[in-house]
Amino acid sequence: RITIPEILQNKWFKEGYKPPVFQEEENINLDDIHAAFKDSE
């Protein structure tokens, strides 16, 4: 049997594949989060 990692290494499965691009937001303002949950306490 072929394993998932072996399938992913096969060039046929890589044809046209573009890996996802994740954007990391470094400026996270916790005030917005605290304000959203303030009334739930």
N, C-alpha and C. Protein backbone atom coordinates (compact mmCIF):
# COMPACT_ATOMS: atom_id res chain seq x y z
N ARG A 1 0.83 -1.20 0.00
CA ARG A 1 0.00 0.00 0.00
C ARG A 1 0.87 1.25 0.00
N ILE A 2 0.34 2.28 -0.59
CA ILE A 2 1.04 3.56 -0.60
C ILE A 2 0.55 4.39 0.60
N THR A 3 1.46 5.09 1.20
CA THR A 3 1.11 5.91 2.36
C THR A 3 0.81 7.34 1.91
N ILE A 4 0.17 8.10 2.78
CA ILE A 4 -0.15 9.50 2.47
C ILE A 4 1.13 10.29 2.16
N PRO A 5 2.19 10.19 2.98
CA PRO A 5 3.41 10.93 2.62
C PRO A 5 3.97 10.55 1.25
N GLU A 6 3.86 9.27 0.88
CA GLU A 6 4.33 8.85 -0.44
C GLU A 6 3.46 9.45 -1.55
N ILE A 7 2.16 9.52 -1.31
CA ILE A 7 1.26 10.13 -2.29
C ILE A 7 1.62 11.60 -2.47
N LEU A 8 1.87 12.28 -1.37
CA LEU A 8 2.16 13.71 -1.44
C LEU A 8 3.49 14.00 -2.12
N GLN A 9 4.40 13.04 -2.14
CA GLN A 9 5.69 13.22 -2.81
C GLN A 9 5.61 12.94 -4.31
N ASN A 10 4.54 12.31 -4.76
CA ASN A 10 4.39 11.97 -6.17
C ASN A 10 4.19 13.24 -6.99
N LYS A 11 4.95 13.39 -8.08
CA LYS A 11 4.88 14.63 -8.87
C LYS A 11 3.51 14.84 -9.49
N TRP A 12 2.75 13.77 -9.74
CA TRP A 12 1.42 13.91 -10.32
C TRP A 12 0.51 14.70 -9.39
N PHE A 13 0.63 14.48 -8.08
CA PHE A 13 -0.20 15.18 -7.11
C PHE A 13 0.28 16.61 -6.87
N LYS A 14 1.52 16.88 -7.19
CA LYS A 14 2.08 18.23 -6.99
C LYS A 14 1.79 19.15 -8.17
N GLU A 15 1.33 18.61 -9.28
CA GLU A 15 1.11 19.40 -10.49
C GLU A 15 0.06 20.48 -10.23
N GLY A 16 0.46 21.74 -10.37
CA GLY A 16 -0.44 22.86 -10.15
C GLY A 16 -0.68 23.19 -8.68
N TYR A 17 0.00 22.50 -7.79
CA TYR A 17 -0.20 22.72 -6.35
C TYR A 17 0.50 24.00 -5.91
N LYS A 18 -0.22 24.81 -5.18
CA LYS A 18 0.36 26.01 -4.58
C LYS A 18 0.11 25.93 -3.08
N PRO A 19 1.17 25.88 -2.29
CA PRO A 19 0.98 25.78 -0.85
C PRO A 19 0.27 27.02 -0.31
N PRO A 20 -0.53 26.85 0.74
CA PRO A 20 -1.25 28.00 1.30
C PRO A 20 -0.29 29.02 1.90
N VAL A 21 -0.67 30.27 1.81
CA VAL A 21 0.12 31.35 2.38
C VAL A 21 -0.68 31.91 3.56
N PHE A 22 -0.08 31.83 4.73
CA PHE A 22 -0.74 32.32 5.93
C PHE A 22 -0.14 33.66 6.32
N GLN A 23 -1.02 34.59 6.63
CA GLN A 23 -0.55 35.90 7.07
C GLN A 23 -0.66 35.97 8.58
N GLU A 24 0.43 36.37 9.21
CA GLU A 24 0.42 36.53 10.65
C GLU A 24 0.31 38.00 10.98
N GLU A 25 -0.67 38.32 11.78
CA GLU A 25 -0.84 39.70 12.19
C GLU A 25 -0.12 39.88 13.52
N GLU A 26 0.88 40.73 13.52
CA GLU A 26 1.69 40.90 14.72
C GLU A 26 1.09 41.90 15.70
N ASN A 27 0.31 42.84 15.21
CA ASN A 27 -0.26 43.87 16.07
C ASN A 27 -1.65 43.45 16.53
N ILE A 28 -1.70 42.69 17.60
CA ILE A 28 -2.97 42.23 18.14
C ILE A 28 -3.33 43.10 19.32
N ASN A 29 -4.50 43.71 19.25
CA ASN A 29 -4.95 44.59 20.31
C ASN A 29 -5.91 43.81 21.20
N LEU A 30 -5.49 43.50 22.43
CA LEU A 30 -6.32 42.73 23.34
C LEU A 30 -7.48 43.53 23.90
N ASP A 31 -7.43 44.85 23.77
CA ASP A 31 -8.54 45.68 24.26
C ASP A 31 -9.84 45.32 23.54
N ASP A 32 -9.76 45.03 22.25
CA ASP A 32 -10.95 44.64 21.50
C ASP A 32 -11.53 43.33 22.03
N ILE A 33 -10.67 42.40 22.36
CA ILE A 33 -11.13 41.11 22.88
C ILE A 33 -11.76 41.29 24.25
N HIS A 34 -11.11 42.06 25.11
CA HIS A 34 -11.65 42.30 26.45
C HIS A 34 -12.99 43.03 26.36
N ALA A 35 -13.12 43.97 25.46
CA ALA A 35 -14.37 44.72 25.30
C ALA A 35 -15.49 43.80 24.82
N ALA A 36 -15.17 42.87 23.96
CA ALA A 36 -16.18 41.96 23.42
C ALA A 36 -16.74 41.03 24.50
N PHE A 37 -15.90 40.65 25.46
CA PHE A 37 -16.32 39.70 26.48
C PHE A 37 -16.61 40.36 27.82
N LYS A 38 -16.53 41.65 27.89
CA LYS A 38 -16.72 42.38 29.15
C LYS A 38 -18.11 42.13 29.75
N ASP A 39 -19.13 42.15 28.92
CA ASP A 39 -20.50 41.99 29.40
C ASP A 39 -20.85 40.54 29.75
N SER A 40 -20.02 39.59 29.34
CA SER A 40 -20.35 38.19 29.59
C SER A 40 -19.89 37.72 30.97
N GLU A 41 -19.25 38.58 31.73
CA GLU A 41 -18.75 38.17 33.05
C GLU A 41 -19.84 38.15 34.08
